[in-house]
All heavy atoms as atom14 arrays in JSON, in Angstrom:
{
  "sequence": "EIIRKYNPGGMMYRPSESEKIYGIHKFIQDTSA",
  "atom14_mask": [
    [1, 1, 1, 1, 1, 1, 1, 1, 1, 0, 0, 0, 0, 0],
    [1, 1, 1, 1, 1, 1, 1, 1, 0, 0, 0, 0, 0, 0],
    [1, 1, 1, 1, 1, 1, 1, 1, 0, 0, 0, 0, 0, 0],
    [1, 1, 1, 1, 1, 1, 1, 1, 1, 1, 1, 0, 0, 0],
    [1, 1, 1, 1, 1, 1, 1, 1, 1, 0, 0, 0, 0, 0],
    [1, 1, 1, 1, 1, 1, 1, 1, 1, 1, 1, 1, 0, 0],
    [1, 1, 1, 1, 1, 1, 1, 1, 0, 0, 0, 0, 0, 0],
    [1, 1, 1, 1, 1, 1, 1, 0, 0, 0, 0, 0, 0, 0],
    [1, 1, 1, 1, 0, 0, 0, 0, 0, 0, 0, 0, 0, 0],
    [1, 1, 1, 1, 0, 0, 0, 0, 0, 0, 0, 0, 0, 0],
    [1, 1, 1, 1, 1, 1, 1, 1, 0, 0, 0, 0, 0, 0],
    [1, 1, 1, 1, 1, 1, 1, 1, 0, 0, 0, 0, 0, 0],
    [1, 1, 1, 1, 1, 1, 1, 1, 1, 1, 1, 1, 0, 0],
    [1, 1, 1, 1, 1, 1, 1, 1, 1, 1, 1, 0, 0, 0],
    [1, 1, 1, 1, 1, 1, 1, 0, 0, 0, 0, 0, 0, 0],
    [1, 1, 1, 1, 1, 1, 0, 0, 0, 0, 0, 0, 0, 0],
    [1, 1, 1, 1, 1, 1, 1, 1, 1, 0, 0, 0, 0, 0],
    [1, 1, 1, 1, 1, 1, 0, 0, 0, 0, 0, 0, 0, 0],
    [1, 1, 1, 1, 1, 1, 1, 1, 1, 0, 0, 0, 0, 0],
    [1, 1, 1, 1, 1, 1, 1, 1, 1, 0, 0, 0, 0, 0],
    [1, 1, 1, 1, 1, 1, 1, 1, 0, 0, 0, 0, 0, 0],
    [1, 1, 1, 1, 1, 1, 1, 1, 1, 1, 1, 1, 0, 0],
    [1, 1, 1, 1, 0, 0, 0, 0, 0, 0, 0, 0, 0, 0],
    [1, 1, 1, 1, 1, 1, 1, 1, 0, 0, 0, 0, 0, 0],
    [1, 1, 1, 1, 1, 1, 1, 1, 1, 1, 0, 0, 0, 0],
    [1, 1, 1, 1, 1, 1, 1, 1, 1, 0, 0, 0, 0, 0],
    [1, 1, 1, 1, 1, 1, 1, 1, 1, 1, 1, 0, 0, 0],
    [1, 1, 1, 1, 1, 1, 1, 1, 0, 0, 0, 0, 0, 0],
    [1, 1, 1, 1, 1, 1, 1, 1, 1, 0, 0, 0, 0, 0],
    [1, 1, 1, 1, 1, 1, 1, 1, 0, 0, 0, 0, 0, 0],
    [1, 1, 1, 1, 1, 1, 1, 0, 0, 0, 0, 0, 0, 0],
    [1, 1, 1, 1, 1, 1, 0, 0, 0, 0, 0, 0, 0, 0],
    [1, 1, 1, 1, 1, 0, 0, 0, 0, 0, 0, 0, 0, 0]
  ],
  "atom14_positions": [
    [[46.95, -72.8, 154.73], [46.1, -72.2, 153.78], [46.84, -71.64, 152.58], [46.46, -71.75, 151.41], [45.25, -71.07, 154.44], [44.26, -70.39, 153.58], [43.46, -69.35, 154.29], [43.69, -69.27, 155.44], [42.64, -68.63, 153.67], [0.0, 0.0, 0.0], [0.0, 0.0, 0.0], [0.0, 0.0, 0.0], [0.0, 0.0, 0.0], [0.0, 0.0, 0.0]],
    [[47.9, -70.95, 152.81], [48.77, -70.4, 151.73], [49.26, -71.52, 150.81], [49.11, -71.34, 149.58], [49.89, -69.64, 152.41], [49.37, -68.29, 153.02], [50.95, -69.28, 151.22], [50.49, -67.58, 153.86], [0.0, 0.0, 0.0], [0.0, 0.0, 0.0], [0.0, 0.0, 0.0], [0.0, 0.0, 0.0], [0.0, 0.0, 0.0], [0.0, 0.0, 0.0]],
    [[49.76, -72.59, 151.42], [50.41, -73.67, 150.59], [49.29, -74.34, 149.76], [49.48, -74.58, 148.62], [51.07, -74.66, 151.52], [52.27, -73.95, 152.1], [51.51, -75.87, 150.67], [52.95, -74.8, 153.26], [0.0, 0.0, 0.0], [0.0, 0.0, 0.0], [0.0, 0.0, 0.0], [0.0, 0.0, 0.0], [0.0, 0.0, 0.0], [0.0, 0.0, 0.0]],
    [[48.14, -74.61, 150.35], [47.09, -75.25, 149.64], [46.49, -74.41, 148.49], [46.21, -74.91, 147.42], [45.91, -75.64, 150.65], [46.3, -76.58, 151.82], [46.72, -77.96, 151.21], [46.87, -78.88, 152.33], [47.66, -79.92, 152.44], [48.33, -80.17, 151.35], [47.74, -80.69, 153.52], [0.0, 0.0, 0.0], [0.0, 0.0, 0.0], [0.0, 0.0, 0.0]],
    [[46.3, -73.14, 148.78], [45.76, -72.19, 147.87], [46.64, -71.79, 146.71], [46.24, -71.63, 145.55], [45.18, -70.98, 148.57], [44.41, -69.98, 147.69], [43.82, -68.89, 148.5], [42.99, -67.89, 147.55], [42.45, -66.8, 148.37], [0.0, 0.0, 0.0], [0.0, 0.0, 0.0], [0.0, 0.0, 0.0], [0.0, 0.0, 0.0], [0.0, 0.0, 0.0]],
    [[47.97, -71.54, 147.11], [48.84, -70.95, 146.04], [49.92, -71.74, 145.53], [50.6, -71.56, 144.53], [49.41, -69.63, 146.69], [48.49, -68.56, 146.96], [48.04, -68.3, 148.24], [47.91, -67.82, 145.97], [47.11, -67.28, 148.57], [46.93, -66.83, 146.25], [46.53, -66.58, 147.51], [45.59, -65.53, 147.79], [0.0, 0.0, 0.0], [0.0, 0.0, 0.0]],
    [[50.2, -72.88, 146.25], [51.22, -73.88, 145.75], [52.57, -73.18, 145.47], [53.13, -73.39, 144.45], [50.65, -74.6, 144.49], [51.54, -75.75, 144.07], [52.05, -76.56, 144.9], [51.8, -75.85, 142.75], [0.0, 0.0, 0.0], [0.0, 0.0, 0.0], [0.0, 0.0, 0.0], [0.0, 0.0, 0.0], [0.0, 0.0, 0.0], [0.0, 0.0, 0.0]],
    [[53.13, -72.36, 146.39], [54.33, -71.64, 146.17], [55.53, -72.57, 145.95], [55.62, -73.64, 146.47], [54.55, -70.81, 147.35], [53.79, -71.53, 148.44], [52.66, -72.12, 147.76], [0.0, 0.0, 0.0], [0.0, 0.0, 0.0], [0.0, 0.0, 0.0], [0.0, 0.0, 0.0], [0.0, 0.0, 0.0], [0.0, 0.0, 0.0], [0.0, 0.0, 0.0]],
    [[56.55, -72.08, 145.08], [57.69, -72.85, 144.84], [58.72, -72.78, 145.88], [59.63, -73.67, 146.04], [0.0, 0.0, 0.0], [0.0, 0.0, 0.0], [0.0, 0.0, 0.0], [0.0, 0.0, 0.0], [0.0, 0.0, 0.0], [0.0, 0.0, 0.0], [0.0, 0.0, 0.0], [0.0, 0.0, 0.0], [0.0, 0.0, 0.0], [0.0, 0.0, 0.0]],
    [[58.7, -71.75, 146.79], [59.76, -71.63, 147.76], [59.23, -70.61, 148.84], [58.26, -69.99, 148.69], [0.0, 0.0, 0.0], [0.0, 0.0, 0.0], [0.0, 0.0, 0.0], [0.0, 0.0, 0.0], [0.0, 0.0, 0.0], [0.0, 0.0, 0.0], [0.0, 0.0, 0.0], [0.0, 0.0, 0.0], [0.0, 0.0, 0.0], [0.0, 0.0, 0.0]],
    [[60.07, -70.6, 149.97], [59.77, -69.63, 151.07], [61.14, -69.25, 151.63], [62.12, -70.05, 151.57], [58.88, -70.24, 152.17], [57.43, -70.02, 151.9], [56.39, -70.35, 153.4], [54.81, -70.19, 152.68], [0.0, 0.0, 0.0], [0.0, 0.0, 0.0], [0.0, 0.0, 0.0], [0.0, 0.0, 0.0], [0.0, 0.0, 0.0], [0.0, 0.0, 0.0]],
    [[61.17, -68.09, 152.22], [62.31, -67.65, 152.88], [61.96, -66.99, 154.2], [61.15, -66.03, 154.26], [63.11, -66.57, 152.08], [64.34, -66.04, 152.86], [65.12, -64.68, 151.89], [66.11, -64.0, 153.17], [0.0, 0.0, 0.0], [0.0, 0.0, 0.0], [0.0, 0.0, 0.0], [0.0, 0.0, 0.0], [0.0, 0.0, 0.0], [0.0, 0.0, 0.0]],
    [[62.48, -67.54, 155.28], [62.35, -66.91, 156.62], [63.51, -66.14, 157.05], [64.62, -66.48, 156.67], [61.97, -68.03, 157.68], [60.53, -68.33, 157.66], [59.94, -69.24, 156.74], [59.59, -67.74, 158.62], [58.58, -69.48, 156.77], [58.26, -68.1, 158.73], [57.78, -68.92, 157.7], [56.4, -69.18, 157.77], [0.0, 0.0, 0.0], [0.0, 0.0, 0.0]],
    [[63.25, -65.12, 157.91], [64.31, -64.35, 158.43], [64.85, -65.2, 159.69], [64.21, -66.14, 160.24], [63.93, -63.05, 158.94], [63.47, -62.12, 157.74], [64.47, -61.91, 156.67], [64.04, -61.06, 155.59], [64.75, -60.6, 154.6], [66.01, -60.91, 154.63], [64.18, -59.84, 153.64], [0.0, 0.0, 0.0], [0.0, 0.0, 0.0], [0.0, 0.0, 0.0]],
    [[66.07, -64.82, 160.19], [66.6, -65.58, 161.34], [65.65, -65.6, 162.57], [65.0, -64.62, 162.91], [67.97, -64.95, 161.65], [68.32, -64.28, 160.41], [66.96, -63.84, 159.7], [0.0, 0.0, 0.0], [0.0, 0.0, 0.0], [0.0, 0.0, 0.0], [0.0, 0.0, 0.0], [0.0, 0.0, 0.0], [0.0, 0.0, 0.0], [0.0, 0.0, 0.0]],
    [[65.61, -66.77, 163.29], [64.88, -67.01, 164.45], [65.48, -68.03, 165.24], [66.55, -68.56, 164.84], [63.39, -67.25, 164.12], [62.55, -67.23, 165.35], [0.0, 0.0, 0.0], [0.0, 0.0, 0.0], [0.0, 0.0, 0.0], [0.0, 0.0, 0.0], [0.0, 0.0, 0.0], [0.0, 0.0, 0.0], [0.0, 0.0, 0.0], [0.0, 0.0, 0.0]],
    [[64.89, -68.49, 166.4], [65.4, -69.58, 167.15], [65.37, -70.75, 166.29], [64.38, -71.08, 165.54], [64.53, -69.81, 168.34], [64.55, -68.77, 169.42], [63.74, -67.53, 169.08], [62.93, -67.59, 168.13], [63.88, -66.48, 169.63], [0.0, 0.0, 0.0], [0.0, 0.0, 0.0], [0.0, 0.0, 0.0], [0.0, 0.0, 0.0], [0.0, 0.0, 0.0]],
    [[66.41, -71.55, 166.32], [66.64, -72.72, 165.38], [65.54, -73.68, 165.43], [65.1, -74.2, 164.41], [68.07, -73.23, 165.54], [68.21, -73.77, 166.79], [0.0, 0.0, 0.0], [0.0, 0.0, 0.0], [0.0, 0.0, 0.0], [0.0, 0.0, 0.0], [0.0, 0.0, 0.0], [0.0, 0.0, 0.0], [0.0, 0.0, 0.0], [0.0, 0.0, 0.0]],
    [[65.15, -74.05, 166.66], [64.1, -75.07, 166.77], [62.73, -74.59, 166.18], [62.0, -75.41, 165.63], [63.97, -75.43, 168.31], [65.08, -76.32, 168.79], [64.66, -77.05, 169.97], [63.42, -77.17, 170.36], [65.6, -77.56, 170.75], [0.0, 0.0, 0.0], [0.0, 0.0, 0.0], [0.0, 0.0, 0.0], [0.0, 0.0, 0.0], [0.0, 0.0, 0.0]],
    [[62.53, -73.23, 166.36], [61.3, -72.7, 165.82], [61.37, -72.83, 164.3], [60.34, -73.24, 163.58], [61.1, -71.27, 166.28], [59.86, -70.64, 165.69], [59.74, -69.21, 166.3], [58.55, -68.47, 165.69], [58.44, -67.15, 166.19], [0.0, 0.0, 0.0], [0.0, 0.0, 0.0], [0.0, 0.0, 0.0], [0.0, 0.0, 0.0], [0.0, 0.0, 0.0]],
    [[62.37, -72.39, 163.69], [62.59, -72.44, 162.24], [62.46, -73.82, 161.65], [61.87, -74.1, 160.71], [63.87, -71.72, 161.8], [63.84, -70.22, 162.02], [64.23, -72.02, 160.35], [62.92, -69.47, 161.14], [0.0, 0.0, 0.0], [0.0, 0.0, 0.0], [0.0, 0.0, 0.0], [0.0, 0.0, 0.0], [0.0, 0.0, 0.0], [0.0, 0.0, 0.0]],
    [[63.16, -74.71, 162.42], [63.07, -76.1, 162.04], [61.69, -76.71, 162.04], [61.29, -77.32, 161.05], [63.98, -77.0, 163.06], [63.98, -78.44, 162.78], [65.01, -79.14, 162.06], [62.89, -79.27, 163.27], [65.0, -80.44, 161.78], [62.96, -80.6, 162.93], [63.93, -81.27, 162.31], [63.95, -82.55, 161.99], [0.0, 0.0, 0.0], [0.0, 0.0, 0.0]],
    [[60.92, -76.31, 162.98], [59.55, -76.77, 163.07], [58.72, -76.19, 161.94], [57.8, -76.87, 161.3], [0.0, 0.0, 0.0], [0.0, 0.0, 0.0], [0.0, 0.0, 0.0], [0.0, 0.0, 0.0], [0.0, 0.0, 0.0], [0.0, 0.0, 0.0], [0.0, 0.0, 0.0], [0.0, 0.0, 0.0], [0.0, 0.0, 0.0], [0.0, 0.0, 0.0]],
    [[58.92, -74.91, 161.59], [58.21, -74.29, 160.51], [58.57, -74.93, 159.18], [57.76, -75.31, 158.31], [58.49, -72.72, 160.48], [57.85, -72.09, 161.63], [57.99, -72.07, 159.16], [58.27, -70.59, 161.82], [0.0, 0.0, 0.0], [0.0, 0.0, 0.0], [0.0, 0.0, 0.0], [0.0, 0.0, 0.0], [0.0, 0.0, 0.0], [0.0, 0.0, 0.0]],
    [[59.89, -75.18, 158.93], [60.25, -75.75, 157.73], [59.81, -77.18, 157.53], [59.34, -77.55, 156.43], [61.89, -75.78, 157.69], [62.46, -74.47, 157.34], [63.81, -74.12, 157.46], [61.92, -73.24, 156.82], [64.11, -72.95, 157.02], [62.96, -72.35, 156.65], [0.0, 0.0, 0.0], [0.0, 0.0, 0.0], [0.0, 0.0, 0.0], [0.0, 0.0, 0.0]],
    [[59.73, -77.89, 158.63], [59.25, -79.3, 158.57], [57.73, -79.28, 158.16], [57.35, -80.06, 157.36], [59.46, -80.02, 159.92], [59.11, -81.45, 159.9], [59.36, -82.04, 161.21], [59.18, -83.68, 161.09], [57.84, -84.08, 160.53], [0.0, 0.0, 0.0], [0.0, 0.0, 0.0], [0.0, 0.0, 0.0], [0.0, 0.0, 0.0], [0.0, 0.0, 0.0]],
    [[56.96, -78.35, 158.77], [55.54, -78.28, 158.46], [55.34, -77.9, 157.0], [54.53, -78.45, 156.29], [54.89, -77.23, 159.27], [53.41, -77.1, 159.07], [52.51, -78.04, 159.65], [52.96, -76.08, 158.18], [51.13, -77.87, 159.33], [51.7, -75.96, 157.9], [50.74, -76.83, 158.42], [0.0, 0.0, 0.0], [0.0, 0.0, 0.0], [0.0, 0.0, 0.0]],
    [[56.15, -76.98, 156.51], [56.04, -76.63, 155.17], [56.31, -77.71, 154.21], [55.61, -78.03, 153.3], [57.07, -75.43, 154.74], [56.62, -74.15, 155.42], [57.22, -75.21, 153.32], [57.63, -72.95, 155.44], [0.0, 0.0, 0.0], [0.0, 0.0, 0.0], [0.0, 0.0, 0.0], [0.0, 0.0, 0.0], [0.0, 0.0, 0.0], [0.0, 0.0, 0.0]],
    [[57.43, -78.47, 154.44], [57.77, -79.54, 153.59], [56.69, -80.7, 153.7], [56.46, -81.38, 152.67], [59.07, -80.12, 153.85], [60.24, -79.08, 153.57], [60.46, -78.8, 152.09], [59.5, -78.8, 151.29], [61.69, -78.5, 151.65], [0.0, 0.0, 0.0], [0.0, 0.0, 0.0], [0.0, 0.0, 0.0], [0.0, 0.0, 0.0], [0.0, 0.0, 0.0]],
    [[56.16, -80.94, 154.86], [55.18, -81.98, 155.11], [53.9, -81.65, 154.4], [53.13, -82.57, 153.96], [54.98, -82.27, 156.55], [56.04, -82.93, 157.28], [57.01, -83.48, 156.63], [56.14, -82.89, 158.45], [0.0, 0.0, 0.0], [0.0, 0.0, 0.0], [0.0, 0.0, 0.0], [0.0, 0.0, 0.0], [0.0, 0.0, 0.0], [0.0, 0.0, 0.0]],
    [[53.57, -80.37, 154.33], [52.31, -79.88, 153.8], [52.33, -79.76, 152.29], [51.3, -80.0, 151.64], [51.92, -78.57, 154.37], [51.88, -78.69, 155.89], [50.52, -78.17, 153.97], [0.0, 0.0, 0.0], [0.0, 0.0, 0.0], [0.0, 0.0, 0.0], [0.0, 0.0, 0.0], [0.0, 0.0, 0.0], [0.0, 0.0, 0.0], [0.0, 0.0, 0.0]],
    [[53.43, -79.35, 151.67], [53.48, -79.02, 150.29], [53.65, -80.41, 149.49], [54.41, -81.22, 149.81], [54.71, -78.13, 150.0], [54.81, -77.89, 148.56], [0.0, 0.0, 0.0], [0.0, 0.0, 0.0], [0.0, 0.0, 0.0], [0.0, 0.0, 0.0], [0.0, 0.0, 0.0], [0.0, 0.0, 0.0], [0.0, 0.0, 0.0], [0.0, 0.0, 0.0]],
    [[52.83, -80.5, 148.4], [52.86, -81.72, 147.62], [54.21, -81.69, 146.85], [54.76, -82.85, 146.7], [51.69, -81.66, 146.67], [0.0, 0.0, 0.0], [0.0, 0.0, 0.0], [0.0, 0.0, 0.0], [0.0, 0.0, 0.0], [0.0, 0.0, 0.0], [0.0, 0.0, 0.0], [0.0, 0.0, 0.0], [0.0, 0.0, 0.0], [0.0, 0.0, 0.0]]
  ]
}
């Protein structure tokens, strides 16, 4: 919803489990035009 509505240029996450961060980053890149 955030990506579709606001079209942000970037994001920054704080440290977390690497697989979890990887999954979030993949979703972000797959979703953002």
